[in-house]
Amino acid sequence: MSENIVILMIGVSTFLGALGLIALIWAVKTGQFDDHSKFIDAVRHDNEEDLQDAAMMEEKKKQHRQKKKLDKQNYMPPD
């Protein structure tokens, strides 16, 4: 490849990267990624059954961790 083509490719890629960075900064500053109603919608659509399922899953995870901890304490290597 010619030296001029490599320089051109580096220049174009640097320009496009800078353009993408400027677009990202603009989007963050103007609030494009903000979702103010996220938590309100989540609470609105929760029901008692979903909350009970979540509590049951947490309890199962807790029991699994306790069982795993006991298995580690009672571990004996094979002969």
N, C-alpha and C. Protein backbone atom coordinates (compact mmCIF):
# COMPACT_ATOMS: atom_id res chain seq x y z
N MET A 1 0.83 -1.18 0.00
CA MET A 1 0.00 0.00 0.00
C MET A 1 0.88 1.24 0.00
N SER A 2 0.36 2.22 -0.60
CA SER A 2 1.07 3.48 -0.67
C SER A 2 0.98 4.20 0.68
N GLU A 3 2.01 4.96 0.96
CA GLU A 3 2.06 5.72 2.20
C GLU A 3 0.94 6.75 2.26
N ASN A 4 0.57 7.30 1.15
CA ASN A 4 -0.50 8.31 1.10
C ASN A 4 -1.85 7.70 1.46
N ILE A 5 -2.09 6.46 1.03
CA ILE A 5 -3.36 5.80 1.32
C ILE A 5 -3.46 5.51 2.82
N VAL A 6 -2.38 5.09 3.43
CA VAL A 6 -2.39 4.81 4.87
C VAL A 6 -2.67 6.09 5.65
N ILE A 7 -2.03 7.17 5.25
CA ILE A 7 -2.27 8.46 5.92
C ILE A 7 -3.71 8.89 5.73
N LEU A 8 -4.27 8.70 4.54
CA LEU A 8 -5.66 9.05 4.27
C LEU A 8 -6.60 8.20 5.12
N MET A 9 -6.33 6.91 5.23
CA MET A 9 -7.18 6.02 6.03
C MET A 9 -7.14 6.41 7.51
N ILE A 10 -5.97 6.75 8.02
CA ILE A 10 -5.85 7.17 9.43
C ILE A 10 -6.62 8.47 9.64
N GLY A 11 -6.49 9.39 8.72
CA GLY A 11 -7.19 10.67 8.85
C GLY A 11 -8.70 10.51 8.81
N VAL A 12 -9.21 9.69 7.88
CA VAL A 12 -10.65 9.49 7.77
C VAL A 12 -11.18 8.76 9.01
N SER A 13 -10.47 7.74 9.49
CA SER A 13 -10.95 7.02 10.66
C SER A 13 -10.91 7.89 11.91
N THR A 14 -9.92 8.75 12.02
CA THR A 14 -9.86 9.68 13.16
C THR A 14 -11.03 10.66 13.10
N PHE A 15 -11.32 11.15 11.91
CA PHE A 15 -12.44 12.09 11.72
C PHE A 15 -13.77 11.42 12.09
N LEU A 16 -13.99 10.20 11.61
CA LEU A 16 -15.23 9.50 11.91
C LEU A 16 -15.35 9.17 13.40
N GLY A 17 -14.24 8.80 14.03
CA GLY A 17 -14.26 8.55 15.47
C GLY A 17 -14.60 9.80 16.27
N ALA A 18 -14.01 10.92 15.86
CA ALA A 18 -14.30 12.19 16.53
C ALA A 18 -15.75 12.58 16.33
N LEU A 19 -16.27 12.36 15.14
CA LEU A 19 -17.67 12.66 14.85
C LEU A 19 -18.60 11.82 15.73
N GLY A 20 -18.28 10.54 15.88
CA GLY A 20 -19.07 9.67 16.75
C GLY A 20 -19.00 10.10 18.21
N LEU A 21 -17.83 10.50 18.67
CA LEU A 21 -17.67 10.97 20.04
C LEU A 21 -18.47 12.25 20.28
N ILE A 22 -18.43 13.16 19.32
CA ILE A 22 -19.20 14.41 19.44
C ILE A 22 -20.69 14.10 19.49
N ALA A 23 -21.15 13.16 18.65
CA ALA A 23 -22.57 12.78 18.66
C ALA A 23 -22.97 12.18 20.00
N LEU A 24 -22.11 11.34 20.58
CA LEU A 24 -22.40 10.73 21.88
C LEU A 24 -22.47 11.80 22.97
N ILE A 25 -21.53 12.71 22.99
CA ILE A 25 -21.53 13.77 24.00
C ILE A 25 -22.77 14.63 23.86
N TRP A 26 -23.15 14.96 22.62
CA TRP A 26 -24.35 15.76 22.39
C TRP A 26 -25.58 15.02 22.91
N ALA A 27 -25.68 13.73 22.64
CA ALA A 27 -26.84 12.95 23.07
C ALA A 27 -26.94 12.89 24.58
N VAL A 28 -25.81 12.74 25.26
CA VAL A 28 -25.83 12.69 26.73
C VAL A 28 -26.22 14.04 27.31
N LYS A 29 -25.68 15.11 26.75
CA LYS A 29 -25.98 16.45 27.28
C LYS A 29 -27.42 16.87 27.05
N THR A 30 -28.03 16.42 25.96
CA THR A 30 -29.41 16.83 25.68
C THR A 30 -30.43 15.88 26.28
N GLY A 31 -29.98 14.84 26.99
CA GLY A 31 -30.90 13.95 27.70
C GLY A 31 -31.53 12.89 26.83
N GLN A 32 -30.89 12.49 25.76
CA GLN A 32 -31.46 11.47 24.87
C GLN A 32 -31.56 10.11 25.56
N PHE A 33 -30.73 9.84 26.54
CA PHE A 33 -30.72 8.54 27.20
C PHE A 33 -31.47 8.54 28.52
N ASP A 34 -32.07 9.65 28.90
CA ASP A 34 -32.81 9.73 30.15
C ASP A 34 -34.18 9.11 29.99
N ASP A 35 -34.60 8.34 30.99
CA ASP A 35 -35.92 7.72 31.00
C ASP A 35 -36.53 8.01 32.36
N HIS A 36 -37.25 9.11 32.44
CA HIS A 36 -37.78 9.56 33.72
C HIS A 36 -38.96 8.72 34.20
N SER A 37 -39.65 8.06 33.29
CA SER A 37 -40.83 7.29 33.69
C SER A 37 -40.53 5.81 33.88
N LYS A 38 -39.27 5.43 33.84
CA LYS A 38 -38.90 4.02 33.94
C LYS A 38 -39.39 3.39 35.25
N PHE A 39 -39.10 4.02 36.35
CA PHE A 39 -39.47 3.45 37.64
C PHE A 39 -40.97 3.57 37.90
N ILE A 40 -41.58 4.61 37.41
CA ILE A 40 -43.03 4.77 37.58
C ILE A 40 -43.76 3.67 36.84
N ASP A 41 -43.34 3.39 35.60
CA ASP A 41 -43.98 2.33 34.82
C ASP A 41 -43.74 0.96 35.46
N ALA A 42 -42.57 0.75 36.01
CA ALA A 42 -42.27 -0.53 36.64
C ALA A 42 -43.19 -0.78 37.83
N VAL A 43 -43.41 0.24 38.63
CA VAL A 43 -44.28 0.09 39.80
C VAL A 43 -45.73 -0.07 39.37
N ARG A 44 -46.11 0.64 38.33
CA ARG A 44 -47.49 0.59 37.86
C ARG A 44 -47.87 -0.81 37.37
N HIS A 45 -46.92 -1.51 36.79
CA HIS A 45 -47.23 -2.82 36.21
C HIS A 45 -46.89 -3.98 37.15
N ASP A 46 -46.36 -3.70 38.32
CA ASP A 46 -46.10 -4.75 39.30
C ASP A 46 -47.42 -5.15 39.95
N ASN A 47 -47.55 -6.42 40.22
CA ASN A 47 -48.70 -6.87 40.98
C ASN A 47 -48.22 -7.76 42.11
N GLU A 48 -49.13 -8.18 42.92
CA GLU A 48 -48.76 -8.94 44.12
C GLU A 48 -48.11 -10.27 43.76
N GLU A 49 -48.60 -10.90 42.70
CA GLU A 49 -48.05 -12.20 42.29
C GLU A 49 -46.59 -12.06 41.85
N ASP A 50 -46.27 -11.01 41.11
CA ASP A 50 -44.88 -10.79 40.68
C ASP A 50 -43.97 -10.56 41.88
N LEU A 51 -44.46 -9.81 42.86
CA LEU A 51 -43.66 -9.55 44.05
C LEU A 51 -43.44 -10.83 44.86
N GLN A 52 -44.45 -11.68 44.93
CA GLN A 52 -44.31 -12.95 45.65
C GLN A 52 -43.31 -13.86 44.93
N ASP A 53 -43.37 -13.87 43.60
CA ASP A 53 -42.42 -14.67 42.82
C ASP A 53 -40.98 -14.20 43.06
N ALA A 54 -40.80 -12.88 43.09
CA ALA A 54 -39.46 -12.33 43.33
C ALA A 54 -38.97 -12.69 44.73
N ALA A 55 -39.84 -12.62 45.71
CA ALA A 55 -39.46 -12.97 47.08
C ALA A 55 -39.12 -14.46 47.17
N MET A 56 -39.88 -15.30 46.48
CA MET A 56 -39.62 -16.73 46.50
C MET A 56 -38.27 -17.04 45.83
N MET A 57 -37.96 -16.37 44.74
CA MET A 57 -36.68 -16.57 44.06
C MET A 57 -35.52 -16.15 44.95
N GLU A 58 -35.67 -15.05 45.66
CA GLU A 58 -34.63 -14.60 46.58
C GLU A 58 -34.41 -15.63 47.69
N GLU A 59 -35.50 -16.19 48.20
CA GLU A 59 -35.40 -17.20 49.25
C GLU A 59 -34.69 -18.45 48.72
N LYS A 60 -35.00 -18.86 47.49
CA LYS A 60 -34.33 -20.02 46.90
C LYS A 60 -32.83 -19.76 46.71
N LYS A 61 -32.49 -18.57 46.30
CA LYS A 61 -31.07 -18.22 46.13
C LYS A 61 -30.35 -18.27 47.46
N LYS A 62 -31.02 -17.76 48.50
CA LYS A 62 -30.43 -17.76 49.83
C LYS A 62 -30.21 -19.18 50.33
N GLN A 63 -31.19 -20.05 50.13
CA GLN A 63 -31.06 -21.44 50.54
C GLN A 63 -29.95 -22.14 49.76
N HIS A 64 -29.85 -21.84 48.47
CA HIS A 64 -28.81 -22.46 47.65
C HIS A 64 -27.42 -22.04 48.13
N ARG A 65 -27.27 -20.75 48.46
CA ARG A 65 -25.97 -20.27 48.97
C ARG A 65 -25.62 -20.95 50.29
N GLN A 66 -26.62 -21.10 51.18
CA GLN A 66 -26.37 -21.76 52.46
C GLN A 66 -25.98 -23.23 52.26
N LYS A 67 -26.67 -23.90 51.34
CA LYS A 67 -26.36 -25.30 51.06
C LYS A 67 -24.96 -25.43 50.47
N LYS A 68 -24.61 -24.52 49.59
CA LYS A 68 -23.29 -24.54 48.98
C LYS A 68 -22.21 -24.32 50.04
N LYS A 69 -22.48 -23.41 50.98
CA LYS A 69 -21.53 -23.13 52.05
C LYS A 69 -21.34 -24.36 52.94
N LEU A 70 -22.44 -25.04 53.26
CA LEU A 70 -22.35 -26.25 54.07
C LEU A 70 -21.60 -27.35 53.32
N ASP A 71 -21.83 -27.48 52.03
CA ASP A 71 -21.13 -28.49 51.24
C ASP A 71 -19.63 -28.22 51.23
N LYS A 72 -19.25 -26.97 51.21
CA LYS A 72 -17.82 -26.63 51.24
C LYS A 72 -17.21 -27.02 52.58
N GLN A 73 -17.95 -26.81 53.65
CA GLN A 73 -17.43 -27.12 54.97
C GLN A 73 -17.30 -28.63 55.19
N ASN A 74 -18.22 -29.39 54.60
CA ASN A 74 -18.24 -30.84 54.79
C ASN A 74 -17.49 -31.57 53.69
N TYR A 75 -16.76 -30.88 52.87
CA TYR A 75 -16.07 -31.50 51.74
C TYR A 75 -14.90 -32.36 52.22
N MET A 76 -14.84 -33.57 51.69
CA MET A 76 -13.71 -34.46 51.96
C MET A 76 -13.20 -34.95 50.61
N PRO A 77 -11.91 -34.79 50.38
CA PRO A 77 -11.39 -35.25 49.08
C PRO A 77 -11.48 -36.77 48.97
N PRO A 78 -11.60 -37.27 47.74
CA PRO A 78 -11.67 -38.73 47.57
C PRO A 78 -10.36 -39.39 47.93
N ASP A 79 -10.44 -40.64 48.35
CA ASP A 79 -9.23 -41.39 48.73
C ASP A 79 -8.44 -41.81 47.53
